[in-house]
Amino acid sequence: MYDGLRSLAGSYFHQDFDTEADTPIGVVEVFRDNEATETVEKAASEITEILDSGMSDEEIVTMWLGDFRAYYDPRYDDITGREWLTTVREILLAEEEDSDEPTTDGRETAGPETAGPTTDA
């Protein structure tokens, strides 16, 4: 149960989680960008289940730190357990922001420098 969240907490919020990214939010983005889509979607779904369960903030933090074995405690940043999981879910459901991703036909998306010829009037 909660395999997606266990993967995020145990594999990314390990003892040296601050080496994964500069911020806890960045660590979540690394997880989102590197894990299989189904793992990320599963973690987001599990968060929804926890948030809808009526657990208290303290129960959520206890689960995050104890059951999932995360080393990041959101309370150190004045964030409640519920706020933390809500933010994590938002990040997991957000698309990776990378304008140089290939299009579906294999071509790269044109950025401003390659968008085509311009005319000077």
PDB file of N, CA and C in Angstrom:
ATOM      1  N   MET A   1       0.826  -1.174   0.000  1.00  0.00           N
ATOM      2  CA  MET A   1       0.000   0.000   0.000  1.00  0.00           C
ATOM      3  C   MET A   1       0.879   1.248   0.000  1.00  0.00           C
ATOM      4  N   TYR A   2       0.510   2.222  -0.783  1.00  0.00           N
ATOM      5  CA  TYR A   2       1.233   3.489  -0.926  1.00  0.00           C
ATOM      6  C   TYR A   2       2.639   3.296  -1.497  1.00  0.00           C
ATOM      7  N   ASP A   3       2.767   2.423  -2.479  1.00  0.00           N
ATOM      8  CA  ASP A   3       4.074   2.151  -3.079  1.00  0.00           C
ATOM      9  C   ASP A   3       4.674   3.376  -3.768  1.00  0.00           C
ATOM     10  N   GLY A   4       3.837   4.192  -4.399  1.00  0.00           N
ATOM     11  CA  GLY A   4       4.330   5.395  -5.068  1.00  0.00           C
ATOM     12  C   GLY A   4       4.932   6.381  -4.086  1.00  0.00           C
ATOM     13  N   LEU A   5       4.225   6.625  -2.994  1.00  0.00           N
ATOM     14  CA  LEU A   5       4.745   7.540  -1.974  1.00  0.00           C
ATOM     15  C   LEU A   5       5.960   6.965  -1.263  1.00  0.00           C
ATOM     16  N   ARG A   6       5.967   5.661  -1.062  1.00  0.00           N
ATOM     17  CA  ARG A   6       7.148   5.031  -0.456  1.00  0.00           C
ATOM     18  C   ARG A   6       8.365   5.211  -1.356  1.00  0.00           C
ATOM     19  N   SER A   7       8.160   5.122  -2.650  1.00  0.00           N
ATOM     20  CA  SER A   7       9.259   5.325  -3.595  1.00  0.00           C
ATOM     21  C   SER A   7       9.777   6.755  -3.516  1.00  0.00           C
ATOM     22  N   LEU A   8       8.872   7.726  -3.508  1.00  0.00           N
ATOM     23  CA  LEU A   8       9.276   9.126  -3.402  1.00  0.00           C
ATOM     24  C   LEU A   8      10.012   9.377  -2.094  1.00  0.00           C
ATOM     25  N   ALA A   9       9.409   8.990  -0.989  1.00  0.00           N
ATOM     26  CA  ALA A   9       9.990   9.278   0.326  1.00  0.00           C
ATOM     27  C   ALA A   9      11.298   8.528   0.552  1.00  0.00           C
ATOM     28  N   GLY A  10      11.294   7.233   0.280  1.00  0.00           N
ATOM     29  CA  GLY A  10      12.461   6.415   0.581  1.00  0.00           C
ATOM     30  C   GLY A  10      13.610   6.579  -0.391  1.00  0.00           C
ATOM     31  N   SER A  11      13.293   6.763  -1.664  1.00  0.00           N
ATOM     32  CA  SER A  11      14.350   6.830  -2.677  1.00  0.00           C
ATOM     33  C   SER A  11      14.837   8.248  -2.957  1.00  0.00           C
ATOM     34  N   TYR A  12      14.023   9.254  -2.656  1.00  0.00           N
ATOM     35  CA  TYR A  12      14.407  10.629  -2.974  1.00  0.00           C
ATOM     36  C   TYR A  12      14.574  11.506  -1.731  1.00  0.00           C
ATOM     37  N   PHE A  13      13.802  11.246  -0.687  1.00  0.00           N
ATOM     38  CA  PHE A  13      13.944  12.003   0.552  1.00  0.00           C
ATOM     39  C   PHE A  13      14.726  11.181   1.571  1.00  0.00           C
ATOM     40  N   HIS A  14      15.837  10.614   1.091  1.00  0.00           N
ATOM     41  CA  HIS A  14      16.731   9.817   1.929  1.00  0.00           C
ATOM     42  C   HIS A  14      17.575  10.740   2.798  1.00  0.00           C
ATOM     43  N   GLN A  15      18.483  10.152   3.541  1.00  0.00           N
ATOM     44  CA  GLN A  15      19.327  10.872   4.488  1.00  0.00           C
ATOM     45  C   GLN A  15      20.045  12.067   3.857  1.00  0.00           C
ATOM     46  N   ASP A  16      20.463  11.948   2.616  1.00  0.00           N
ATOM     47  CA  ASP A  16      21.176  13.028   1.926  1.00  0.00           C
ATOM     48  C   ASP A  16      20.304  13.645   0.832  1.00  0.00           C
ATOM     49  N   PHE A  17      19.008  13.806   1.118  1.00  0.00           N
ATOM     50  CA  PHE A  17      18.081  14.274   0.084  1.00  0.00           C
ATOM     51  C   PHE A  17      18.463  15.629  -0.472  1.00  0.00           C
ATOM     52  N   ASP A  18      19.174  16.443   0.307  1.00  0.00           N
ATOM     53  CA  ASP A  18      19.538  17.772  -0.174  1.00  0.00           C
ATOM     54  C   ASP A  18      20.588  17.726  -1.283  1.00  0.00           C
ATOM     55  N   THR A  19      21.126  16.536  -1.579  1.00  0.00           N
ATOM     56  CA  THR A  19      22.029  16.412  -2.724  1.00  0.00           C
ATOM     57  C   THR A  19      21.255  16.149  -4.016  1.00  0.00           C
ATOM     58  N   GLU A  20      19.970  15.807  -3.899  1.00  0.00           N
ATOM     59  CA  GLU A  20      19.124  15.553  -5.075  1.00  0.00           C
ATOM     60  C   GLU A  20      18.742  16.864  -5.766  1.00  0.00           C
ATOM     61  N   ALA A  21      18.513  17.920  -4.960  1.00  0.00           N
ATOM     62  CA  ALA A  21      18.101  19.223  -5.475  1.00  0.00           C
ATOM     63  C   ALA A  21      18.320  20.256  -4.373  1.00  0.00           C
ATOM     64  N   ASP A  22      18.197  21.525  -4.743  1.00  0.00           N
ATOM     65  CA  ASP A  22      18.435  22.607  -3.785  1.00  0.00           C
ATOM     66  C   ASP A  22      17.324  22.775  -2.756  1.00  0.00           C
ATOM     67  N   THR A  23      16.109  22.318  -3.085  1.00  0.00           N
ATOM     68  CA  THR A  23      14.965  22.486  -2.193  1.00  0.00           C
ATOM     69  C   THR A  23      14.152  21.195  -2.153  1.00  0.00           C
ATOM     70  N   PRO A  24      13.336  21.019  -1.138  1.00  0.00           N
ATOM     71  CA  PRO A  24      12.442  19.852  -1.120  1.00  0.00           C
ATOM     72  C   PRO A  24      11.519  19.817  -2.344  1.00  0.00           C
ATOM     73  N   ILE A  25      11.048  20.969  -2.782  1.00  0.00           N
ATOM     74  CA  ILE A  25      10.218  21.035  -3.992  1.00  0.00           C
ATOM     75  C   ILE A  25      11.008  20.515  -5.181  1.00  0.00           C
ATOM     76  N   GLY A  26      12.278  20.891  -5.260  1.00  0.00           N
ATOM     77  CA  GLY A  26      13.140  20.419  -6.334  1.00  0.00           C
ATOM     78  C   GLY A  26      13.308  18.910  -6.309  1.00  0.00           C
ATOM     79  N   VAL A  27      13.354  18.334  -5.111  1.00  0.00           N
ATOM     80  CA  VAL A  27      13.463  16.876  -4.989  1.00  0.00           C
ATOM     81  C   VAL A  27      12.213  16.206  -5.580  1.00  0.00           C
ATOM     82  N   VAL A  28      11.047  16.775  -5.299  1.00  0.00           N
ATOM     83  CA  VAL A  28       9.806  16.233  -5.855  1.00  0.00           C
ATOM     84  C   VAL A  28       9.834  16.332  -7.384  1.00  0.00           C
ATOM     85  N   GLU A  29      10.338  17.437  -7.909  1.00  0.00           N
ATOM     86  CA  GLU A  29      10.441  17.603  -9.364  1.00  0.00           C
ATOM     87  C   GLU A  29      11.393  16.578  -9.977  1.00  0.00           C
ATOM     88  N   VAL A  30      12.483  16.272  -9.291  1.00  0.00           N
ATOM     89  CA  VAL A  30      13.419  15.255  -9.777  1.00  0.00           C
ATOM     90  C   VAL A  30      12.712  13.899  -9.840  1.00  0.00           C
ATOM     91  N   PHE A  31      11.959  13.568  -8.797  1.00  0.00           N
ATOM     92  CA  PHE A  31      11.176  12.327  -8.789  1.00  0.00           C
ATOM     93  C   PHE A  31      10.219  12.314  -9.973  1.00  0.00           C
ATOM     94  N   ARG A  32       9.440  13.377 -10.136  1.00  0.00           N
ATOM     95  CA  ARG A  32       8.458  13.460 -11.219  1.00  0.00           C
ATOM     96  C   ARG A  32       9.119  13.291 -12.594  1.00  0.00           C
ATOM     97  N   ASP A  33      10.263  13.920 -12.772  1.00  0.00           N
ATOM     98  CA  ASP A  33      10.917  13.936 -14.076  1.00  0.00           C
ATOM     99  C   ASP A  33      11.692  12.662 -14.379  1.00  0.00           C
ATOM    100  N   ASN A  34      12.015  11.870 -13.350  1.00  0.00           N
ATOM    101  CA  ASN A  34      12.859  10.692 -13.554  1.00  0.00           C
ATOM    102  C   ASN A  34      12.145   9.355 -13.417  1.00  0.00           C
ATOM    103  N   GLU A  35      11.033   9.331 -12.733  1.00  0.00           N
ATOM    104  CA  GLU A  35      10.326   8.071 -12.511  1.00  0.00           C
ATOM    105  C   GLU A  35       9.320   7.807 -13.625  1.00  0.00           C
ATOM    106  N   ALA A  36       8.907   6.560 -13.744  1.00  0.00           N
ATOM    107  CA  ALA A  36       7.911   6.175 -14.736  1.00  0.00           C
ATOM    108  C   ALA A  36       6.600   6.915 -14.459  1.00  0.00           C
ATOM    109  N   THR A  37       5.901   7.255 -15.521  1.00  0.00           N
ATOM    110  CA  THR A  37       4.646   7.986 -15.408  1.00  0.00           C
ATOM    111  C   THR A  37       3.682   7.297 -14.459  1.00  0.00           C
ATOM    112  N   GLU A  38       3.588   5.977 -14.545  1.00  0.00           N
ATOM    113  CA  GLU A  38       2.643   5.270 -13.680  1.00  0.00           C
ATOM    114  C   GLU A  38       3.022   5.376 -12.203  1.00  0.00           C
ATOM    115  N   THR A  39       4.316   5.440 -11.897  1.00  0.00           N
ATOM    116  CA  THR A  39       4.754   5.607 -10.503  1.00  0.00           C
ATOM    117  C   THR A  39       4.376   6.991  -9.993  1.00  0.00           C
ATOM    118  N   VAL A  40       4.583   7.999 -10.821  1.00  0.00           N
ATOM    119  CA  VAL A  40       4.245   9.376 -10.449  1.00  0.00           C
ATOM    120  C   VAL A  40       2.737   9.522 -10.268  1.00  0.00           C
ATOM    121  N   GLU A  41       1.970   8.976 -11.212  1.00  0.00           N
ATOM    122  CA  GLU A  41       0.510   9.053 -11.115  1.00  0.00           C
ATOM    123  C   GLU A  41      -0.004   8.293  -9.894  1.00  0.00           C
ATOM    124  N   LYS A  42       0.628   7.178  -9.588  1.00  0.00           N
ATOM    125  CA  LYS A  42       0.240   6.391  -8.418  1.00  0.00           C
ATOM    126  C   LYS A  42       0.488   7.191  -7.144  1.00  0.00           C
ATOM    127  N   ALA A  43       1.634   7.845  -7.055  1.00  0.00           N
ATOM    128  CA  ALA A  43       1.942   8.665  -5.882  1.00  0.00           C
ATOM    129  C   ALA A  43       0.922   9.794  -5.735  1.00  0.00           C
ATOM    130  N   ALA A  44       0.572  10.447  -6.828  1.00  0.00           N
ATOM    131  CA  ALA A  44      -0.419  11.533  -6.779  1.00  0.00           C
ATOM    132  C   ALA A  44      -1.772  11.005  -6.319  1.00  0.00           C
ATOM    133  N   SER A  45      -2.165   9.850  -6.822  1.00  0.00           N
ATOM    134  CA  SER A  45      -3.433   9.233  -6.430  1.00  0.00           C
ATOM    135  C   SER A  45      -3.425   8.848  -4.948  1.00  0.00           C
ATOM    136  N   GLU A  46      -2.310   8.339  -4.482  1.00  0.00           N
ATOM    137  CA  GLU A  46      -2.183   7.969  -3.072  1.00  0.00           C
ATOM    138  C   GLU A  46      -2.295   9.198  -2.168  1.00  0.00           C
ATOM    139  N   ILE A  47      -1.723  10.304  -2.624  1.00  0.00           N
ATOM    140  CA  ILE A  47      -1.828  11.547  -1.858  1.00  0.00           C
ATOM    141  C   ILE A  47      -3.293  11.970  -1.749  1.00  0.00           C
ATOM    142  N   THR A  48      -4.008  11.905  -2.869  1.00  0.00           N
ATOM    143  CA  THR A  48      -5.431  12.252  -2.846  1.00  0.00           C
ATOM    144  C   THR A  48      -6.171  11.378  -1.840  1.00  0.00           C
ATOM    145  N   GLU A  49      -5.868  10.099  -1.842  1.00  0.00           N
ATOM    146  CA  GLU A  49      -6.504   9.171  -0.901  1.00  0.00           C
ATOM    147  C   GLU A  49      -6.223   9.567   0.550  1.00  0.00           C
ATOM    148  N   ILE A  50      -4.982   9.925   0.839  1.00  0.00           N
ATOM    149  CA  ILE A  50      -4.611  10.327   2.198  1.00  0.00           C
ATOM    150  C   ILE A  50      -5.302  11.630   2.579  1.00  0.00           C
ATOM    151  N   LEU A  51      -5.282  12.609   1.691  1.00  0.00           N
ATOM    152  CA  LEU A  51      -5.905  13.899   1.989  1.00  0.00           C
ATOM    153  C   LEU A  51      -7.409  13.766   2.193  1.00  0.00           C
ATOM    154  N   ASP A  52      -8.029  12.866   1.449  1.00  0.00           N
ATOM    155  CA  ASP A  52      -9.479  12.650   1.563  1.00  0.00           C
ATOM    156  C   ASP A  52      -9.856  11.790   2.764  1.00  0.00           C
ATOM    157  N   SER A  53      -8.874  11.175   3.399  1.00  0.00           N
ATOM    158  CA  SER A  53      -9.153  10.236   4.492  1.00  0.00           C
ATOM    159  C   SER A  53      -9.543  10.920   5.796  1.00  0.00           C
ATOM    160  N   GLY A  54      -9.263  12.198   5.912  1.00  0.00           N
ATOM    161  CA  GLY A  54      -9.557  12.901   7.157  1.00  0.00           C
ATOM    162  C   GLY A  54      -8.451  12.803   8.189  1.00  0.00           C
ATOM    163  N   MET A  55      -7.287  12.264   7.794  1.00  0.00           N
ATOM    164  CA  MET A  55      -6.151  12.207   8.725  1.00  0.00           C
ATOM    165  C   MET A  55      -5.780  13.613   9.169  1.00  0.00           C
ATOM    166  N   SER A  56      -5.318  13.720  10.409  1.00  0.00           N
ATOM    167  CA  SER A  56      -4.836  15.005  10.910  1.00  0.00           C
ATOM    168  C   SER A  56      -3.464  15.304  10.302  1.00  0.00           C
ATOM    169  N   ASP A  57      -3.042  16.560  10.438  1.00  0.00           N
ATOM    170  CA  ASP A  57      -1.705  16.930   9.966  1.00  0.00           C
ATOM    171  C   ASP A  57      -0.632  16.104  10.660  1.00  0.00           C
ATOM    172  N   GLU A  58      -0.805  15.899  11.954  1.00  0.00           N
ATOM    173  CA  GLU A  58       0.181  15.126  12.710  1.00  0.00           C
ATOM    174  C   GLU A  58       0.242  13.682  12.221  1.00  0.00           C
ATOM    175  N   GLU A  59      -0.901  13.089  11.922  1.00  0.00           N
ATOM    176  CA  GLU A  59      -0.928  11.719  11.395  1.00  0.00           C
ATOM    177  C   GLU A  59      -0.258  11.644  10.029  1.00  0.00           C
ATOM    178  N   ILE A  60      -0.471  12.670   9.213  1.00  0.00           N
ATOM    179  CA  ILE A  60       0.156  12.699   7.886  1.00  0.00           C
ATOM    180  C   ILE A  60       1.673  12.783   8.021  1.00  0.00           C
ATOM    181  N   VAL A  61       2.154  13.670   8.890  1.00  0.00           N
ATOM    182  CA  VAL A  61       3.603  13.806   9.079  1.00  0.00           C
ATOM    183  C   VAL A  61       4.187  12.523   9.669  1.00  0.00           C
ATOM    184  N   THR A  62       3.479  11.922  10.597  1.00  0.00           N
ATOM    185  CA  THR A  62       3.944  10.656  11.181  1.00  0.00           C
ATOM    186  C   THR A  62       4.052   9.578  10.104  1.00  0.00           C
ATOM    187  N   MET A  63       3.081   9.516   9.213  1.00  0.00           N
ATOM    188  CA  MET A  63       3.129   8.551   8.114  1.00  0.00           C
ATOM    189  C   MET A  63       4.302   8.862   7.188  1.00  0.00           C
ATOM    190  N   TRP A  64       4.473  10.145   6.822  1.00  0.00           N
ATOM    191  CA  TRP A  64       5.546  10.568   5.918  1.00  0.00           C
ATOM    192  C   TRP A  64       6.924  10.218   6.489  1.00  0.00           C
ATOM    193  N   LEU A  65       7.133  10.545   7.754  1.00  0.00           N
ATOM    194  CA  LEU A  65       8.438  10.310   8.366  1.00  0.00           C
ATOM    195  C   LEU A  65       8.627   8.870   8.838  1.00  0.00           C
ATOM    196  N   GLY A  66       7.595   8.294   9.416  1.00  0.00           N
ATOM    197  CA  GLY A  66       7.719   6.963  10.008  1.00  0.00           C
ATOM    198  C   GLY A  66       7.472   5.838   9.033  1.00  0.00           C
ATOM    199  N   ASP A  67       6.273   5.787   8.473  1.00  0.00           N
ATOM    200  CA  ASP A  67       5.913   4.696   7.568  1.00  0.00           C
ATOM    201  C   ASP A  67       6.669   4.761   6.248  1.00  0.00           C
ATOM    202  N   PHE A  68       6.806   5.973   5.699  1.00  0.00           N
ATOM    203  CA  PHE A  68       7.464   6.113   4.396  1.00  0.00           C
ATOM    204  C   PHE A  68       8.961   6.357   4.513  1.00  0.00           C
ATOM    205  N   ARG A  69       9.434   6.618   5.731  1.00  0.00           N
ATOM    206  CA  ARG A  69      10.857   6.783   6.041  1.00  0.00           C
ATOM    207  C   ARG A  69      11.531   7.957   5.319  1.00  0.00           C
ATOM    208  N   ALA A  70      10.805   9.055   5.212  1.00  0.00           N
ATOM    209  CA  ALA A  70      11.378  10.260   4.618  1.00  0.00           C
ATOM    210  C   ALA A  70      12.232  10.981   5.659  1.00  0.00           C
ATOM    211  N   TYR A  71      13.286  11.632   5.213  1.00  0.00           N
ATOM    212  CA  TYR A  71      14.145  12.392   6.108  1.00  0.00           C
ATOM    213  C   TYR A  71      13.827  13.879   6.100  1.00  0.00           C
ATOM    214  N   TYR A  72      12.934  14.308   5.230  1.00  0.00           N
ATOM    215  CA  TYR A  72      12.517  15.715   5.217  1.00  0.00           C
ATOM    216  C   TYR A  72      11.257  15.868   6.049  1.00  0.00           C
ATOM    217  N   ASP A  73      11.324  16.750   7.047  1.00  0.00           N
ATOM    218  CA  ASP A  73      10.168  17.058   7.881  1.00  0.00           C
ATOM    219  C   ASP A  73       9.667  18.441   7.482  1.00  0.00           C
ATOM    220  N   PRO A  74       8.500  18.523   6.838  1.00  0.00           N
ATOM    221  CA  PRO A  74       7.997  19.819   6.374  1.00  0.00           C
ATOM    222  C   PRO A  74       7.738  20.812   7.502  1.00  0.00           C
ATOM    223  N   ARG A  75       7.578  20.338   8.719  1.00  0.00           N
ATOM    224  CA  ARG A  75       7.336  21.238   9.853  1.00  0.00           C
ATOM    225  C   ARG A  75       8.520  22.161  10.101  1.00  0.00           C
ATOM    226  N   TYR A  76       9.729  21.732   9.712  1.00  0.00           N
ATOM    227  CA  TYR A  76      10.902  22.600   9.859  1.00  0.00           C
ATOM    228  C   TYR A  76      10.800  23.842   8.982  1.00  0.00           C
ATOM    229  N   ASP A  77      10.006  23.761   7.943  1.00  0.00           N
ATOM    230  CA  ASP A  77       9.772  24.907   7.050  1.00  0.00           C
ATOM    231  C   ASP A  77       8.399  25.529   7.295  1.00  0.00           C
ATOM    232  N   ASP A  78       7.834  25.270   8.477  1.00  0.00           N
ATOM    233  CA  ASP A  78       6.509  25.786   8.864  1.00  0.00           C
ATOM    234  C   ASP A  78       5.425  25.388   7.872  1.00  0.00           C
ATOM    235  N   ILE A  79       5.485  24.147   7.412  1.00  0.00           N
ATOM    236  CA  ILE A  79       4.495  23.595   6.487  1.00  0.00           C
ATOM    237  C   ILE A  79       3.818  22.418   7.187  1.00  0.00           C
ATOM    238  N   THR A  80       2.499  22.397   7.175  1.00  0.00           N
ATOM    239  CA  THR A  80       1.785  21.281   7.792  1.00  0.00           C
ATOM    240  C   THR A  80       1.877  20.056   6.883  1.00  0.00           C
ATOM    241  N   GLY A  81       1.556  18.909   7.426  1.00  0.00           N
ATOM    242  CA  GLY A  81       1.556  17.679   6.636  1.00  0.00           C
ATOM    243  C   GLY A  81       0.593  17.765   5.464  1.00  0.00           C
ATOM    244  N   ARG A  82      -0.580  18.316   5.707  1.00  0.00           N
ATOM    245  CA  ARG A  82      -1.594  18.453   4.665  1.00  0.00           C
ATOM    246  C   ARG A  82      -1.129  19.423   3.564  1.00  0.00           C
ATOM    247  N   GLU A  83      -0.532  20.544   3.971  1.00  0.00           N
ATOM    248  CA  GLU A  83      -0.006  21.503   2.987  1.00  0.00           C
ATOM    249  C   GLU A  83       1.107  20.860   2.150  1.00  0.00           C
ATOM    250  N   TRP A  84       1.971  20.109   2.811  1.00  0.00           N
ATOM    251  CA  TRP A  84       3.085  19.457   2.122  1.00  0.00           C
ATOM    252  C   TRP A  84       2.574  18.491   1.064  1.00  0.00           C
ATOM    253  N   LEU A  85       1.669  17.602   1.451  1.00  0.00           N
ATOM    254  CA  LEU A  85       1.175  16.627   0.473  1.00  0.00           C
ATOM    255  C   LEU A  85       0.372  17.293  -0.640  1.00  0.00           C
ATOM    256  N   THR A  86      -0.345  18.358  -0.327  1.00  0.00           N
ATOM    257  CA  THR A  86      -1.075  19.089  -1.362  1.00  0.00           C
ATOM    258  C   THR A  86      -0.101  19.674  -2.378  1.00  0.00           C
ATOM    259  N   THR A  87       0.980  20.255  -1.897  1.00  0.00           N
ATOM    260  CA  THR A  87       2.003  20.817  -2.784  1.00  0.00           C
ATOM    261  C   THR A  87       2.671  19.720  -3.604  1.00  0.00           C
ATOM    262  N   VAL A  88       3.004  18.614  -2.962  1.00  0.00           N
ATOM    263  CA  VAL A  88       3.635  17.495  -3.676  1.00  0.00           C
ATOM    264  C   VAL A  88       2.724  17.006  -4.790  1.00  0.00           C
ATOM    265  N   ARG A  89       1.437  16.846  -4.494  1.00  0.00           N
ATOM    266  CA  ARG A  89       0.492  16.380  -5.516  1.00  0.00           C
ATOM    267  C   ARG A  89       0.441  17.354  -6.689  1.00  0.00           C
ATOM    268  N   GLU A  90       0.409  18.650  -6.418  1.00  0.00           N
ATOM    269  CA  GLU A  90       0.379  19.656  -7.490  1.00  0.00           C
ATOM    270  C   GLU A  90       1.603  19.533  -8.382  1.00  0.00           C
ATOM    271  N   ILE A  91       2.754  19.328  -7.778  1.00  0.00           N
ATOM    272  CA  ILE A  91       4.000  19.194  -8.545  1.00  0.00           C
ATOM    273  C   ILE A  91       3.979  17.911  -9.367  1.00  0.00           C
ATOM    274  N   LEU A  92       3.516  16.835  -8.775  1.00  0.00           N
ATOM    275  CA  LEU A  92       3.485  15.561  -9.504  1.00  0.00           C
ATOM    276  C   LEU A  92       2.543  15.620 -10.695  1.00  0.00           C
ATOM    277  N   LEU A  93       1.467  16.371 -10.571  1.00  0.00           N
ATOM    278  CA  LEU A  93       0.486  16.448 -11.656  1.00  0.00           C
ATOM    279  C   LEU A  93       0.838  17.505 -12.702  1.00  0.00           C
ATOM    280  N   ALA A  94       1.808  18.358 -12.396  1.00  0.00           N
ATOM    281  CA  ALA A  94       2.249  19.388 -13.349  1.00  0.00           C
ATOM    282  C   ALA A  94       3.133  18.753 -14.411  1.00  0.00           C
ATOM    283  N   GLU A  95       3.048  19.276 -15.595  1.00  0.00           N
ATOM    284  CA  GLU A  95       3.897  18.776 -16.681  1.00  0.00           C
ATOM    285  C   GLU A  95       5.304  19.305 -16.502  1.00  0.00           C
ATOM    286  N   GLU A  96       6.277  18.515 -16.916  1.00  0.00           N
ATOM    287  CA  GLU A  96       7.669  18.949 -16.877  1.00  0.00           C
ATOM    288  C   GLU A  96       7.804  20.164 -17.763  1.00  0.00           C
ATOM    289  N   GLU A  97       8.412  21.215 -17.247  1.00  0.00           N
ATOM    290  CA  GLU A  97       8.558  22.455 -18.006  1.00  0.00           C
ATOM    291  C   GLU A  97       9.871  22.425 -18.772  1.00  0.00           C
ATOM    292  N   ASP A  98       9.788  22.011 -20.034  1.00  0.00           N
ATOM    293  CA  ASP A  98      10.976  21.928 -20.885  1.00  0.00           C
ATOM    294  C   ASP A  98      10.554  22.211 -22.314  1.00  0.00           C
ATOM    295  N   SER A  99      10.852  23.397 -22.814  1.00  0.00           N
ATOM    296  CA  SER A  99      10.402  23.783 -24.147  1.00  0.00           C
ATOM    297  C   SER A  99      11.196  23.111 -25.257  1.00  0.00           C
ATOM    298  N   ASP A 100      12.280  22.412 -24.929  1.00  0.00           N
ATOM    299  CA  ASP A 100      13.080  21.750 -25.950  1.00  0.00           C
ATOM    300  C   ASP A 100      12.738  20.275 -26.090  1.00  0.00           C
ATOM    301  N   GLU A 101      11.573  19.859 -25.566  1.00  0.00           N
ATOM    302  CA  GLU A 101      11.162  18.473 -25.707  1.00  0.00           C
ATOM    303  C   GLU A 101      10.818  18.187 -27.161  1.00  0.00           C
ATOM    304  N   PRO A 102      11.085  16.980 -27.624  1.00  0.00           N
ATOM    305  CA  PRO A 102      10.715  16.642 -28.997  1.00  0.00           C
ATOM    306  C   PRO A 102       9.202  16.657 -29.164  1.00  0.00           C
ATOM    307  N   THR A 103       8.768  17.013 -30.352  1.00  0.00           N
ATOM    308  CA  THR A 103       7.347  16.946 -30.651  1.00  0.00           C
ATOM    309  C   THR A 103       6.990  15.492 -30.922  1.00  0.00           C
ATOM    310  N   THR A 104       5.720  15.222 -31.151  1.00  0.00           N
ATOM    311  CA  THR A 104       5.297  13.845 -31.365  1.00  0.00           C
ATOM    312  C   THR A 104       5.856  13.265 -32.657  1.00  0.00           C
ATOM    313  N   ASP A 105       6.254  14.124 -33.607  1.00  0.00           N
ATOM    314  CA  ASP A 105       6.813  13.595 -34.848  1.00  0.00           C
ATOM    315  C   ASP A 105       8.349  13.555 -34.824  1.00  0.00           C
ATOM    316  N   GLY A 106       8.944  13.797 -33.653  1.00  0.00           N
ATOM    317  CA  GLY A 106      10.381  13.655 -33.514  1.00  0.00           C
ATOM    318  C   GLY A 106      11.161  14.949 -33.679  1.00  0.00           C
ATOM    319  N   ARG A 107      10.504  16.012 -34.148  1.00  0.00           N
ATOM    320  CA  ARG A 107      11.195  17.290 -34.291  1.00  0.00           C
ATOM    321  C   ARG A 107      11.201  18.013 -32.959  1.00  0.00           C
ATOM    322  N   GLU A 108      12.223  18.830 -32.736  1.00  0.00           N
ATOM    323  CA  GLU A 108      12.255  19.605 -31.511  1.00  0.00           C
ATOM    324  C   GLU A 108      11.310  20.788 -31.634  1.00  0.00           C
ATOM    325  N   THR A 109      10.732  21.185 -30.503  1.00  0.00           N
ATOM    326  CA  THR A 109       9.874  22.356 -30.481  1.00  0.00           C
ATOM    327  C   THR A 109      10.734  23.577 -30.696  1.00  0.00           C
ATOM    328  N   ALA A 110      10.314  24.447 -31.580  1.00  0.00           N
ATOM    329  CA  ALA A 110      11.092  25.636 -31.893  1.00  0.00           C
ATOM    330  C   ALA A 110      11.020  26.623 -30.747  1.00  0.00           C
ATOM    331  N   GLY A 111      12.180  27.067 -30.299  1.00  0.00           N
ATOM    332  CA  GLY A 111      12.254  28.110 -29.294  1.00  0.00           C
ATOM    333  C   GLY A 111      12.311  29.454 -29.985  1.00  0.00           C
ATOM    334  N   PRO A 112      12.385  30.542 -29.260  1.00  0.00           N
ATOM    335  CA  PRO A 112      12.372  31.866 -29.870  1.00  0.00           C
ATOM    336  C   PRO A 112      13.505  32.080 -30.851  1.00  0.00           C
ATOM    337  N   GLU A 113      14.672  31.468 -30.581  1.00  0.00           N
ATOM    338  CA  GLU A 113      15.814  31.678 -31.472  1.00  0.00           C
ATOM    339  C   GLU A 113      15.709  30.881 -32.771  1.00  0.00           C
ATOM    340  N   THR A 114      14.800  29.904 -32.844  1.00  0.00           N
ATOM    341  CA  THR A 114      14.679  29.088 -34.046  1.00  0.00           C
ATOM    342  C   THR A 114      13.259  29.084 -34.595  1.00  0.00           C
ATOM    343  N   ALA A 115      12.479  30.084 -34.219  1.00  0.00           N
ATOM    344  CA  ALA A 115      11.068  30.094 -34.574  1.00  0.00           C
ATOM    345  C   ALA A 115      10.828  30.417 -36.042  1.00  0.00           C
ATOM    346  N   GLY A 116      11.837  30.808 -36.754  1.00  0.00           N
ATOM    347  CA  GLY A 116      11.664  31.102 -38.163  1.00  0.00           C
ATOM    348  C   GLY A 116      12.157  32.500 -38.484  1.00  0.00           C
ATOM    349  N   PRO A 117      12.110  32.861 -39.754  1.00  0.00           N
ATOM    350  CA  PRO A 117      12.636  34.162 -40.151  1.00  0.00           C
ATOM    351  C   PRO A 117      11.761  35.302 -39.629  1.00  0.00           C
ATOM    352  N   THR A 118      12.433  36.400 -39.358  1.00  0.00           N
ATOM    353  CA  THR A 118      11.699  37.582 -38.958  1.00  0.00           C
ATOM    354  C   THR A 118      11.994  38.665 -39.965  1.00  0.00           C
ATOM    355  N   THR A 119      11.133  39.618 -40.053  1.00  0.00           N
ATOM    356  CA  THR A 119      11.353  40.712 -40.980  1.00  0.00           C
ATOM    357  C   THR A 119      11.489  41.991 -40.180  1.00  0.00           C
ATOM    358  N   ASP A 120      12.431  42.795 -40.570  1.00  0.00           N
ATOM    359  CA  ASP A 120      12.601  44.096 -39.915  1.00  0.00           C
ATOM    360  C   ASP A 120      11.912  45.136 -40.780  1.00  0.00           C
ATOM    361  N   ALA A 121      11.082  45.939 -40.178  1.00  0.00           N
ATOM    362  CA  ALA A 121      10.358  46.939 -40.955  1.00  0.00           C
ATOM    363  C   ALA A 121      11.033  48.258 -40.899  1.00  0.00           C
TER     364      ALA A 121
END
